[in-house]
Amino acid sequence: MIMEIGIVAGEIWHYLDDKKSATEDELIKSLKRPRELVLMSLGWLAREGHVTLGTHESGYSATLNRK
């Protein structure tokens, strides 16, 4: 499971690198991954400081942190 979370985190990273920000629903639809796996991967990226999470009407939004 940890490996899957890491793979999806990488997919999210690349998606956000291209789009700058996205909602939870956009990520799930674009990546074609289960909601739970996307949320775990977002949590990992947020914990590592790679993304900033905010609230959105339909859930969460994520923005890639640029260093």
N, C-alpha and C. Protein backbone atom coordinates (compact mmCIF):
# COMPACT_ATOMS: atom_id res chain seq x y z
N MET A 1 0.82 -1.20 0.00
CA MET A 1 0.00 0.00 0.00
C MET A 1 0.86 1.26 0.00
N ILE A 2 1.96 1.26 0.75
CA ILE A 2 2.84 2.43 0.79
C ILE A 2 3.38 2.75 -0.60
N MET A 3 3.70 1.70 -1.35
CA MET A 3 4.22 1.91 -2.69
C MET A 3 3.16 2.57 -3.58
N GLU A 4 1.92 2.12 -3.49
CA GLU A 4 0.84 2.71 -4.27
C GLU A 4 0.63 4.18 -3.92
N ILE A 5 0.68 4.49 -2.63
CA ILE A 5 0.53 5.88 -2.18
C ILE A 5 1.64 6.74 -2.78
N GLY A 6 2.85 6.23 -2.76
CA GLY A 6 3.98 6.97 -3.33
C GLY A 6 3.85 7.17 -4.83
N ILE A 7 3.37 6.16 -5.54
CA ILE A 7 3.18 6.28 -6.99
C ILE A 7 2.13 7.32 -7.30
N VAL A 8 1.01 7.28 -6.59
CA VAL A 8 -0.06 8.25 -6.82
C VAL A 8 0.39 9.65 -6.41
N ALA A 9 1.18 9.75 -5.35
CA ALA A 9 1.73 11.06 -4.95
C ALA A 9 2.56 11.64 -6.10
N GLY A 10 3.33 10.81 -6.76
CA GLY A 10 4.10 11.26 -7.92
C GLY A 10 3.20 11.71 -9.06
N GLU A 11 2.13 10.98 -9.29
CA GLU A 11 1.18 11.35 -10.34
C GLU A 11 0.52 12.70 -10.01
N ILE A 12 0.17 12.89 -8.74
CA ILE A 12 -0.42 14.16 -8.30
C ILE A 12 0.59 15.28 -8.50
N TRP A 13 1.83 15.04 -8.12
CA TRP A 13 2.89 16.04 -8.27
C TRP A 13 2.99 16.50 -9.73
N HIS A 14 3.04 15.55 -10.65
CA HIS A 14 3.16 15.88 -12.07
C HIS A 14 1.92 16.61 -12.58
N TYR A 15 0.75 16.19 -12.12
CA TYR A 15 -0.49 16.85 -12.52
C TYR A 15 -0.49 18.31 -12.05
N LEU A 16 -0.15 18.52 -10.79
CA LEU A 16 -0.13 19.87 -10.24
C LEU A 16 1.00 20.72 -10.83
N ASP A 17 2.09 20.10 -11.21
CA ASP A 17 3.17 20.83 -11.86
C ASP A 17 2.69 21.42 -13.19
N ASP A 18 1.79 20.71 -13.84
CA ASP A 18 1.23 21.17 -15.11
C ASP A 18 0.08 22.15 -14.91
N LYS A 19 -0.83 21.83 -13.97
CA LYS A 19 -2.06 22.60 -13.80
C LYS A 19 -2.00 23.66 -12.70
N LYS A 20 -0.98 23.62 -11.85
CA LYS A 20 -0.77 24.55 -10.73
C LYS A 20 -1.64 24.22 -9.50
N SER A 21 -2.95 23.98 -9.70
CA SER A 21 -3.81 23.59 -8.58
C SER A 21 -4.96 22.75 -9.13
N ALA A 22 -5.61 22.01 -8.23
CA ALA A 22 -6.73 21.16 -8.64
C ALA A 22 -7.55 20.81 -7.42
N THR A 23 -8.82 20.52 -7.65
CA THR A 23 -9.67 20.04 -6.57
C THR A 23 -9.49 18.53 -6.44
N GLU A 24 -9.94 18.03 -5.32
CA GLU A 24 -9.91 16.59 -5.07
C GLU A 24 -10.63 15.84 -6.19
N ASP A 25 -11.81 16.32 -6.58
CA ASP A 25 -12.58 15.66 -7.63
C ASP A 25 -11.85 15.68 -8.97
N GLU A 26 -11.19 16.78 -9.29
CA GLU A 26 -10.43 16.86 -10.54
C GLU A 26 -9.29 15.84 -10.56
N LEU A 27 -8.61 15.70 -9.43
CA LEU A 27 -7.52 14.74 -9.35
C LEU A 27 -8.02 13.32 -9.50
N ILE A 28 -9.10 12.99 -8.83
CA ILE A 28 -9.66 11.63 -8.90
C ILE A 28 -10.08 11.31 -10.33
N LYS A 29 -10.76 12.25 -10.97
CA LYS A 29 -11.24 12.04 -12.34
C LYS A 29 -10.07 11.94 -13.32
N SER A 30 -9.10 12.83 -13.21
CA SER A 30 -7.98 12.86 -14.15
C SER A 30 -7.03 11.68 -13.98
N LEU A 31 -6.76 11.32 -12.74
CA LEU A 31 -5.81 10.24 -12.46
C LEU A 31 -6.45 8.86 -12.52
N LYS A 32 -7.79 8.83 -12.46
CA LYS A 32 -8.54 7.56 -12.47
C LYS A 32 -8.07 6.64 -11.34
N ARG A 33 -8.01 7.22 -10.14
CA ARG A 33 -7.58 6.49 -8.95
C ARG A 33 -8.68 6.56 -7.90
N PRO A 34 -8.75 5.59 -6.99
CA PRO A 34 -9.76 5.62 -5.93
C PRO A 34 -9.58 6.85 -5.02
N ARG A 35 -10.70 7.39 -4.59
CA ARG A 35 -10.72 8.58 -3.72
C ARG A 35 -9.80 8.41 -2.51
N GLU A 36 -9.89 7.27 -1.84
CA GLU A 36 -9.09 7.03 -0.63
C GLU A 36 -7.60 7.10 -0.92
N LEU A 37 -7.19 6.54 -2.06
CA LEU A 37 -5.78 6.54 -2.42
C LEU A 37 -5.30 7.96 -2.75
N VAL A 38 -6.12 8.72 -3.44
CA VAL A 38 -5.77 10.11 -3.74
C VAL A 38 -5.64 10.92 -2.45
N LEU A 39 -6.57 10.73 -1.52
CA LEU A 39 -6.52 11.47 -0.26
C LEU A 39 -5.29 11.09 0.58
N MET A 40 -4.96 9.80 0.61
CA MET A 40 -3.76 9.39 1.35
C MET A 40 -2.51 10.00 0.72
N SER A 41 -2.46 10.02 -0.60
CA SER A 41 -1.31 10.59 -1.30
C SER A 41 -1.21 12.10 -1.10
N LEU A 42 -2.36 12.77 -1.11
CA LEU A 42 -2.36 14.21 -0.82
C LEU A 42 -1.87 14.48 0.59
N GLY A 43 -2.29 13.65 1.52
CA GLY A 43 -1.83 13.79 2.91
C GLY A 43 -0.32 13.64 3.02
N TRP A 44 0.21 12.68 2.30
CA TRP A 44 1.66 12.47 2.30
C TRP A 44 2.37 13.70 1.74
N LEU A 45 1.89 14.20 0.60
CA LEU A 45 2.51 15.38 -0.01
C LEU A 45 2.39 16.60 0.89
N ALA A 46 1.25 16.75 1.56
CA ALA A 46 1.06 17.88 2.47
C ALA A 46 1.98 17.77 3.67
N ARG A 47 2.11 16.59 4.22
CA ARG A 47 2.98 16.37 5.38
C ARG A 47 4.43 16.68 5.05
N GLU A 48 4.84 16.36 3.84
CA GLU A 48 6.20 16.63 3.39
C GLU A 48 6.40 18.08 2.95
N GLY A 49 5.32 18.86 2.93
CA GLY A 49 5.42 20.27 2.57
C GLY A 49 5.44 20.54 1.07
N HIS A 50 5.05 19.56 0.28
CA HIS A 50 5.08 19.72 -1.17
C HIS A 50 3.81 20.34 -1.74
N VAL A 51 2.69 20.21 -1.01
CA VAL A 51 1.44 20.82 -1.46
C VAL A 51 0.78 21.54 -0.29
N THR A 52 -0.04 22.52 -0.64
CA THR A 52 -0.87 23.20 0.33
C THR A 52 -2.31 22.80 0.05
N LEU A 53 -3.01 22.38 1.09
CA LEU A 53 -4.40 21.98 0.94
C LEU A 53 -5.32 23.08 1.44
N GLY A 54 -6.41 23.26 0.74
CA GLY A 54 -7.43 24.23 1.14
C GLY A 54 -8.79 23.58 0.99
N THR A 55 -9.81 24.27 1.40
CA THR A 55 -11.15 23.72 1.27
C THR A 55 -11.81 24.26 0.00
N HIS A 56 -12.70 23.47 -0.50
CA HIS A 56 -13.44 23.79 -1.72
C HIS A 56 -14.86 23.29 -1.49
N GLU A 57 -15.82 23.83 -2.23
CA GLU A 57 -17.23 23.42 -2.02
C GLU A 57 -17.39 21.90 -2.06
N SER A 58 -16.66 21.24 -2.94
CA SER A 58 -16.82 19.79 -3.11
C SER A 58 -15.79 18.97 -2.33
N GLY A 59 -14.95 19.61 -1.54
CA GLY A 59 -13.95 18.86 -0.78
C GLY A 59 -12.70 19.69 -0.57
N TYR A 60 -11.59 19.18 -1.06
CA TYR A 60 -10.30 19.83 -0.89
C TYR A 60 -9.75 20.33 -2.21
N SER A 61 -8.87 21.30 -2.13
CA SER A 61 -8.10 21.73 -3.30
C SER A 61 -6.63 21.64 -2.92
N ALA A 62 -5.80 21.40 -3.90
CA ALA A 62 -4.36 21.25 -3.66
C ALA A 62 -3.60 22.15 -4.60
N THR A 63 -2.56 22.79 -4.06
CA THR A 63 -1.67 23.64 -4.84
C THR A 63 -0.24 23.20 -4.58
N LEU A 64 0.52 23.06 -5.64
CA LEU A 64 1.92 22.65 -5.50
C LEU A 64 2.73 23.80 -4.93
N ASN A 65 3.53 23.52 -3.93
CA ASN A 65 4.42 24.52 -3.35
C ASN A 65 5.70 24.59 -4.17
N ARG A 66 6.04 25.76 -4.61
CA ARG A 66 7.27 25.96 -5.39
C ARG A 66 8.35 26.48 -4.46
N LYS A 67 9.51 25.89 -4.51
CA LYS A 67 10.60 26.32 -3.63
C LYS A 67 11.65 27.04 -4.41
